[in-house]
Amino acid sequence: MDIASFTDLLTAARSQPTPQRLLFVFTGAGLPEDATAEQIAQFSAQQAGELTPLMYVDKSPLELSTFAALTAESAQLVPDWDMVFVAGLGGKGLLAPTHDEIEGAFQRMMAAIQSGAVQPFLAFRRDGELVQLV
């Protein structure tokens, strides 16, 4: 299934044969302390920058209704996030992923985001737009 929106993501996750958890890592955009003039210009044009994980949470696809609801909930804890990365984690048989499996997946996600290896994840801007990062 091609995912072009948050609704598509929920539909895909809900249709999986095993229980799913959606893993969300909310990030903030910024610049390194020693940013060059070129990096500053690219950041201002929203073409570059560093993403720093600010918060992470896992949810069942059944707990979610809309991207706006997710945004409202997240704003209570981290009001200044810029982008959220999402991955799905399937369980085994009828069992949902364990706490340890979820925590391990989050650690790998955050390490990947910090190193710029974000291709395996879906990324949504705060306005709900799905973005393709390279």
N, C-alpha and C. Protein backbone atom coordinates (compact mmCIF):
# COMPACT_ATOMS: atom_id res chain seq x y z
N MET A 1 0.83 -1.18 0.00
CA MET A 1 0.00 0.00 0.00
C MET A 1 0.88 1.25 0.00
N ASP A 2 0.58 2.16 -0.88
CA ASP A 2 1.28 3.44 -0.89
C ASP A 2 0.70 4.33 0.21
N ILE A 3 1.57 4.94 0.96
CA ILE A 3 1.13 5.82 2.04
C ILE A 3 1.41 7.25 1.62
N ALA A 4 0.34 8.02 1.49
CA ALA A 4 0.45 9.41 1.07
C ALA A 4 -0.07 10.37 2.13
N SER A 5 -0.60 9.83 3.24
CA SER A 5 -1.17 10.67 4.29
C SER A 5 -1.17 9.91 5.61
N PHE A 6 -1.48 10.62 6.67
CA PHE A 6 -1.57 10.00 7.98
C PHE A 6 -2.73 9.00 8.01
N THR A 7 -3.81 9.31 7.33
CA THR A 7 -4.94 8.40 7.24
C THR A 7 -4.53 7.10 6.56
N ASP A 8 -3.73 7.19 5.50
CA ASP A 8 -3.22 5.98 4.83
C ASP A 8 -2.37 5.15 5.80
N LEU A 9 -1.56 5.82 6.60
CA LEU A 9 -0.73 5.13 7.59
C LEU A 9 -1.59 4.34 8.56
N LEU A 10 -2.63 4.98 9.09
CA LEU A 10 -3.52 4.29 10.03
C LEU A 10 -4.21 3.11 9.38
N THR A 11 -4.67 3.29 8.15
CA THR A 11 -5.34 2.21 7.43
C THR A 11 -4.39 1.03 7.23
N ALA A 12 -3.17 1.30 6.83
CA ALA A 12 -2.18 0.24 6.61
C ALA A 12 -1.87 -0.49 7.91
N ALA A 13 -1.67 0.26 8.98
CA ALA A 13 -1.32 -0.36 10.26
C ALA A 13 -2.48 -1.20 10.80
N ARG A 14 -3.69 -0.71 10.63
CA ARG A 14 -4.85 -1.44 11.12
C ARG A 14 -5.12 -2.71 10.32
N SER A 15 -4.65 -2.77 9.10
CA SER A 15 -4.92 -3.93 8.24
C SER A 15 -3.86 -5.03 8.35
N GLN A 16 -2.85 -4.83 9.17
CA GLN A 16 -1.80 -5.84 9.32
C GLN A 16 -2.33 -7.06 10.07
N PRO A 17 -1.80 -8.24 9.78
CA PRO A 17 -2.29 -9.45 10.42
C PRO A 17 -1.86 -9.62 11.88
N THR A 18 -0.83 -8.88 12.31
CA THR A 18 -0.37 -8.96 13.69
C THR A 18 -0.61 -7.61 14.38
N PRO A 19 -0.76 -7.60 15.70
CA PRO A 19 -0.94 -6.32 16.41
C PRO A 19 0.25 -5.39 16.16
N GLN A 20 -0.06 -4.14 15.93
CA GLN A 20 0.96 -3.15 15.60
C GLN A 20 1.07 -2.09 16.67
N ARG A 21 2.26 -1.53 16.77
CA ARG A 21 2.49 -0.30 17.52
C ARG A 21 3.10 0.67 16.54
N LEU A 22 2.62 1.89 16.55
CA LEU A 22 3.23 2.95 15.75
C LEU A 22 4.17 3.72 16.67
N LEU A 23 5.39 3.89 16.22
CA LEU A 23 6.43 4.55 17.00
C LEU A 23 6.62 5.96 16.45
N PHE A 24 6.46 6.94 17.30
CA PHE A 24 6.57 8.35 16.91
C PHE A 24 7.76 8.98 17.64
N VAL A 25 8.65 9.60 16.87
CA VAL A 25 9.75 10.36 17.45
C VAL A 25 9.57 11.81 16.99
N PHE A 26 9.27 12.67 17.93
CA PHE A 26 9.07 14.09 17.64
C PHE A 26 10.42 14.79 17.72
N THR A 27 10.72 15.59 16.71
CA THR A 27 12.03 16.23 16.63
C THR A 27 11.91 17.74 16.49
N GLY A 28 12.97 18.40 16.87
CA GLY A 28 13.09 19.84 16.67
C GLY A 28 14.22 20.11 15.68
N ALA A 29 14.04 21.12 14.87
CA ALA A 29 15.06 21.48 13.87
C ALA A 29 15.93 22.60 14.42
N GLY A 30 17.19 22.52 14.08
CA GLY A 30 18.13 23.55 14.52
C GLY A 30 19.39 23.54 13.68
N LEU A 31 20.33 24.34 14.11
CA LEU A 31 21.63 24.46 13.44
C LEU A 31 22.74 24.13 14.42
N PRO A 32 23.86 23.62 13.89
CA PRO A 32 25.01 23.42 14.79
C PRO A 32 25.53 24.77 15.27
N GLU A 33 26.20 24.76 16.41
CA GLU A 33 26.72 26.01 16.97
C GLU A 33 27.68 26.72 16.03
N ASP A 34 28.42 25.95 15.23
CA ASP A 34 29.40 26.53 14.32
C ASP A 34 28.88 26.61 12.88
N ALA A 35 27.57 26.87 12.73
CA ALA A 35 26.95 26.90 11.40
C ALA A 35 27.57 27.98 10.52
N THR A 36 27.74 27.60 9.26
CA THR A 36 28.27 28.55 8.28
C THR A 36 27.14 29.42 7.75
N ALA A 37 27.49 30.46 7.05
CA ALA A 37 26.48 31.34 6.45
C ALA A 37 25.61 30.56 5.47
N GLU A 38 26.21 29.63 4.73
CA GLU A 38 25.46 28.81 3.78
C GLU A 38 24.47 27.91 4.51
N GLN A 39 24.89 27.31 5.62
CA GLN A 39 23.99 26.46 6.40
C GLN A 39 22.84 27.27 6.98
N ILE A 40 23.13 28.47 7.42
CA ILE A 40 22.09 29.34 7.97
C ILE A 40 21.08 29.70 6.88
N ALA A 41 21.56 30.01 5.69
CA ALA A 41 20.67 30.35 4.58
C ALA A 41 19.80 29.15 4.20
N GLN A 42 20.40 27.96 4.13
CA GLN A 42 19.63 26.76 3.81
C GLN A 42 18.61 26.44 4.89
N PHE A 43 18.98 26.64 6.14
CA PHE A 43 18.05 26.40 7.24
C PHE A 43 16.88 27.37 7.16
N SER A 44 17.17 28.63 6.87
CA SER A 44 16.12 29.64 6.76
C SER A 44 15.14 29.31 5.63
N ALA A 45 15.64 28.66 4.59
CA ALA A 45 14.80 28.26 3.45
C ALA A 45 14.19 26.87 3.68
N GLN A 46 14.35 26.32 4.87
CA GLN A 46 13.85 24.99 5.25
C GLN A 46 14.38 23.89 4.32
N GLN A 47 15.67 24.03 3.96
CA GLN A 47 16.32 23.05 3.08
C GLN A 47 17.42 22.26 3.80
N ALA A 48 17.69 22.61 5.04
CA ALA A 48 18.76 21.92 5.77
C ALA A 48 18.59 22.17 7.26
N GLY A 49 19.37 21.48 8.04
CA GLY A 49 19.35 21.66 9.48
C GLY A 49 19.56 20.33 10.18
N GLU A 50 19.71 20.39 11.48
CA GLU A 50 19.85 19.18 12.29
C GLU A 50 18.53 18.90 12.99
N LEU A 51 18.18 17.62 13.06
CA LEU A 51 16.98 17.23 13.77
C LEU A 51 17.37 16.55 15.08
N THR A 52 16.80 17.03 16.16
CA THR A 52 17.10 16.50 17.48
C THR A 52 15.85 15.86 18.06
N PRO A 53 15.91 14.59 18.44
CA PRO A 53 14.75 13.97 19.09
C PRO A 53 14.39 14.69 20.39
N LEU A 54 13.11 15.02 20.54
CA LEU A 54 12.64 15.72 21.74
C LEU A 54 11.78 14.82 22.62
N MET A 55 11.04 13.91 21.99
CA MET A 55 10.11 13.05 22.72
C MET A 55 9.77 11.86 21.83
N TYR A 56 9.48 10.74 22.45
CA TYR A 56 8.99 9.61 21.68
C TYR A 56 7.83 8.94 22.40
N VAL A 57 6.94 8.35 21.62
CA VAL A 57 5.77 7.68 22.17
C VAL A 57 5.32 6.60 21.20
N ASP A 58 4.78 5.52 21.76
CA ASP A 58 4.20 4.50 20.90
C ASP A 58 2.70 4.47 21.13
N LYS A 59 1.98 4.16 20.06
CA LYS A 59 0.51 4.12 20.10
C LYS A 59 0.04 2.94 19.28
N SER A 60 -1.07 2.37 19.70
CA SER A 60 -1.76 1.41 18.85
C SER A 60 -2.46 2.20 17.76
N PRO A 61 -2.54 1.67 16.54
CA PRO A 61 -3.27 2.38 15.48
C PRO A 61 -4.74 2.62 15.86
N LEU A 62 -5.26 1.80 16.75
CA LEU A 62 -6.65 1.96 17.18
C LEU A 62 -6.82 3.12 18.15
N GLU A 63 -5.74 3.58 18.76
CA GLU A 63 -5.80 4.72 19.69
C GLU A 63 -5.81 6.05 18.96
N LEU A 64 -5.52 6.03 17.69
CA LEU A 64 -5.35 7.27 16.93
C LEU A 64 -6.54 7.50 16.00
N SER A 65 -6.92 8.76 15.86
CA SER A 65 -8.02 9.07 14.95
C SER A 65 -7.55 9.96 13.80
N THR A 66 -6.87 11.05 14.13
CA THR A 66 -6.42 11.99 13.11
C THR A 66 -5.04 12.53 13.47
N PHE A 67 -4.39 13.12 12.48
CA PHE A 67 -3.11 13.75 12.75
C PHE A 67 -3.30 14.96 13.66
N ALA A 68 -4.40 15.68 13.50
CA ALA A 68 -4.67 16.83 14.35
C ALA A 68 -4.78 16.42 15.82
N ALA A 69 -5.38 15.28 16.09
CA ALA A 69 -5.49 14.80 17.47
C ALA A 69 -4.11 14.44 18.03
N LEU A 70 -3.27 13.80 17.21
CA LEU A 70 -1.91 13.49 17.63
C LEU A 70 -1.12 14.77 17.91
N THR A 71 -1.27 15.75 17.06
CA THR A 71 -0.58 17.03 17.22
C THR A 71 -1.02 17.73 18.51
N ALA A 72 -2.32 17.73 18.76
CA ALA A 72 -2.83 18.38 19.98
C ALA A 72 -2.30 17.69 21.22
N GLU A 73 -2.28 16.36 21.22
CA GLU A 73 -1.77 15.61 22.37
C GLU A 73 -0.28 15.88 22.58
N SER A 74 0.49 15.86 21.50
CA SER A 74 1.94 16.06 21.62
C SER A 74 2.28 17.48 22.06
N ALA A 75 1.47 18.45 21.66
CA ALA A 75 1.75 19.84 22.00
C ALA A 75 1.67 20.09 23.51
N GLN A 76 0.96 19.23 24.23
CA GLN A 76 0.89 19.38 25.68
C GLN A 76 2.23 19.07 26.34
N LEU A 77 3.01 18.18 25.72
CA LEU A 77 4.28 17.77 26.30
C LEU A 77 5.48 18.45 25.64
N VAL A 78 5.42 18.59 24.32
CA VAL A 78 6.51 19.21 23.58
C VAL A 78 5.90 20.19 22.57
N PRO A 79 5.69 21.43 23.00
CA PRO A 79 4.98 22.37 22.12
C PRO A 79 5.75 22.81 20.88
N ASP A 80 7.07 22.69 20.88
CA ASP A 80 7.87 23.27 19.80
C ASP A 80 8.49 22.26 18.85
N TRP A 81 7.85 21.12 18.62
CA TRP A 81 8.42 20.16 17.69
C TRP A 81 8.19 20.62 16.26
N ASP A 82 9.05 20.15 15.35
CA ASP A 82 8.97 20.54 13.95
C ASP A 82 8.57 19.40 13.02
N MET A 83 9.05 18.20 13.31
CA MET A 83 8.79 17.05 12.44
C MET A 83 8.67 15.81 13.32
N VAL A 84 7.79 14.90 12.89
CA VAL A 84 7.65 13.64 13.60
C VAL A 84 7.97 12.51 12.64
N PHE A 85 8.79 11.59 13.10
CA PHE A 85 9.14 10.39 12.33
C PHE A 85 8.32 9.23 12.86
N VAL A 86 7.88 8.36 11.94
CA VAL A 86 7.00 7.27 12.32
C VAL A 86 7.53 5.96 11.74
N ALA A 87 7.44 4.92 12.55
CA ALA A 87 7.74 3.56 12.10
C ALA A 87 6.69 2.65 12.72
N GLY A 88 6.46 1.54 12.06
CA GLY A 88 5.55 0.53 12.60
C GLY A 88 6.35 -0.63 13.15
N LEU A 89 5.83 -1.23 14.21
CA LEU A 89 6.46 -2.39 14.80
C LEU A 89 5.38 -3.44 15.03
N GLY A 90 5.53 -4.57 14.36
CA GLY A 90 4.54 -5.63 14.47
C GLY A 90 4.86 -6.60 15.58
N GLY A 91 3.81 -7.20 16.11
CA GLY A 91 3.97 -8.20 17.14
C GLY A 91 4.17 -9.58 16.54
N LYS A 92 3.97 -10.57 17.36
CA LYS A 92 4.13 -11.97 16.93
C LYS A 92 2.82 -12.70 17.21
N GLY A 93 2.24 -13.26 16.17
CA GLY A 93 0.97 -13.94 16.34
C GLY A 93 -0.09 -12.96 16.81
N LEU A 94 -0.72 -13.26 17.94
CA LEU A 94 -1.74 -12.37 18.49
C LEU A 94 -1.19 -11.40 19.53
N LEU A 95 0.12 -11.49 19.77
CA LEU A 95 0.75 -10.66 20.81
C LEU A 95 1.35 -9.39 20.22
N ALA A 96 1.08 -8.29 20.89
CA ALA A 96 1.67 -7.01 20.50
C ALA A 96 3.15 -7.02 20.86
N PRO A 97 3.94 -6.13 20.28
CA PRO A 97 5.36 -6.04 20.67
C PRO A 97 5.49 -5.77 22.17
N THR A 98 6.55 -6.32 22.76
CA THR A 98 6.79 -6.12 24.19
C THR A 98 7.39 -4.75 24.45
N HIS A 99 7.39 -4.37 25.71
CA HIS A 99 8.00 -3.09 26.11
C HIS A 99 9.47 -3.04 25.69
N ASP A 100 10.19 -4.13 25.92
CA ASP A 100 11.62 -4.17 25.56
C ASP A 100 11.82 -4.05 24.05
N GLU A 101 10.98 -4.70 23.26
CA GLU A 101 11.08 -4.59 21.79
C GLU A 101 10.81 -3.16 21.34
N ILE A 102 9.81 -2.54 21.95
CA ILE A 102 9.47 -1.15 21.60
C ILE A 102 10.61 -0.22 21.98
N GLU A 103 11.12 -0.37 23.19
CA GLU A 103 12.21 0.50 23.65
C GLU A 103 13.45 0.35 22.77
N GLY A 104 13.79 -0.89 22.41
CA GLY A 104 14.93 -1.11 21.51
C GLY A 104 14.72 -0.46 20.15
N ALA A 105 13.51 -0.56 19.63
CA ALA A 105 13.20 0.06 18.34
C ALA A 105 13.33 1.59 18.43
N PHE A 106 12.88 2.16 19.54
CA PHE A 106 13.03 3.61 19.72
C PHE A 106 14.49 4.02 19.76
N GLN A 107 15.31 3.27 20.46
CA GLN A 107 16.73 3.61 20.54
C GLN A 107 17.38 3.58 19.16
N ARG A 108 17.02 2.57 18.36
CA ARG A 108 17.56 2.48 17.00
C ARG A 108 17.02 3.62 16.12
N MET A 109 15.75 3.97 16.29
CA MET A 109 15.18 5.08 15.52
C MET A 109 15.89 6.39 15.83
N MET A 110 16.07 6.67 17.12
CA MET A 110 16.70 7.95 17.50
C MET A 110 18.14 8.02 17.03
N ALA A 111 18.86 6.92 17.10
CA ALA A 111 20.24 6.90 16.61
C ALA A 111 20.25 7.15 15.11
N ALA A 112 19.32 6.55 14.39
CA ALA A 112 19.25 6.75 12.94
C ALA A 112 18.93 8.20 12.61
N ILE A 113 17.97 8.78 13.32
CA ILE A 113 17.60 10.18 13.07
C ILE A 113 18.78 11.10 13.34
N GLN A 114 19.48 10.88 14.44
CA GLN A 114 20.62 11.74 14.78
C GLN A 114 21.75 11.60 13.77
N SER A 115 21.86 10.45 13.12
CA SER A 115 22.92 10.27 12.13
C SER A 115 22.46 10.65 10.72
N GLY A 116 21.18 11.02 10.58
CA GLY A 116 20.67 11.42 9.27
C GLY A 116 20.17 10.27 8.42
N ALA A 117 20.10 9.08 8.96
CA ALA A 117 19.64 7.91 8.21
C ALA A 117 18.13 7.75 8.40
N VAL A 118 17.35 8.67 7.83
CA VAL A 118 15.91 8.74 8.07
C VAL A 118 15.06 8.08 6.97
N GLN A 119 15.69 7.53 5.95
CA GLN A 119 14.95 6.96 4.83
C GLN A 119 13.95 5.86 5.22
N PRO A 120 14.23 5.03 6.24
CA PRO A 120 13.27 3.96 6.56
C PRO A 120 11.96 4.45 7.20
N PHE A 121 11.90 5.73 7.59
CA PHE A 121 10.76 6.22 8.35
C PHE A 121 9.88 7.14 7.52
N LEU A 122 8.62 7.21 7.90
CA LEU A 122 7.75 8.25 7.37
C LEU A 122 8.03 9.50 8.18
N ALA A 123 7.92 10.65 7.55
CA ALA A 123 8.14 11.91 8.25
C ALA A 123 6.99 12.85 7.92
N PHE A 124 6.44 13.45 8.96
CA PHE A 124 5.35 14.41 8.80
C PHE A 124 5.76 15.74 9.42
N ARG A 125 5.44 16.81 8.70
CA ARG A 125 5.62 18.14 9.27
C ARG A 125 4.48 18.39 10.25
N ARG A 126 4.62 19.40 11.00
CA ARG A 126 3.62 19.75 12.01
C ARG A 126 2.23 19.99 11.41
N ASP A 127 2.19 20.43 10.17
CA ASP A 127 0.90 20.67 9.51
C ASP A 127 0.28 19.39 8.93
N GLY A 128 0.95 18.25 9.11
CA GLY A 128 0.43 16.97 8.63
C GLY A 128 0.92 16.57 7.26
N GLU A 129 1.73 17.41 6.63
CA GLU A 129 2.25 17.09 5.30
C GLU A 129 3.31 15.99 5.41
N LEU A 130 3.14 14.95 4.62
CA LEU A 130 4.13 13.89 4.53
C LEU A 130 5.30 14.41 3.69
N VAL A 131 6.51 14.27 4.20
CA VAL A 131 7.67 14.78 3.48
C VAL A 131 8.65 13.67 3.17
N GLN A 132 9.36 13.84 2.11
CA GLN A 132 10.41 12.90 1.69
C GLN A 132 11.75 13.57 1.96
N LEU A 133 12.50 13.02 2.89
CA LEU A 133 13.82 13.57 3.20
C LEU A 133 14.88 12.76 2.50
N VAL A 134 15.90 13.45 2.02
CA VAL A 134 17.01 12.77 1.34
C VAL A 134 18.29 12.95 2.10
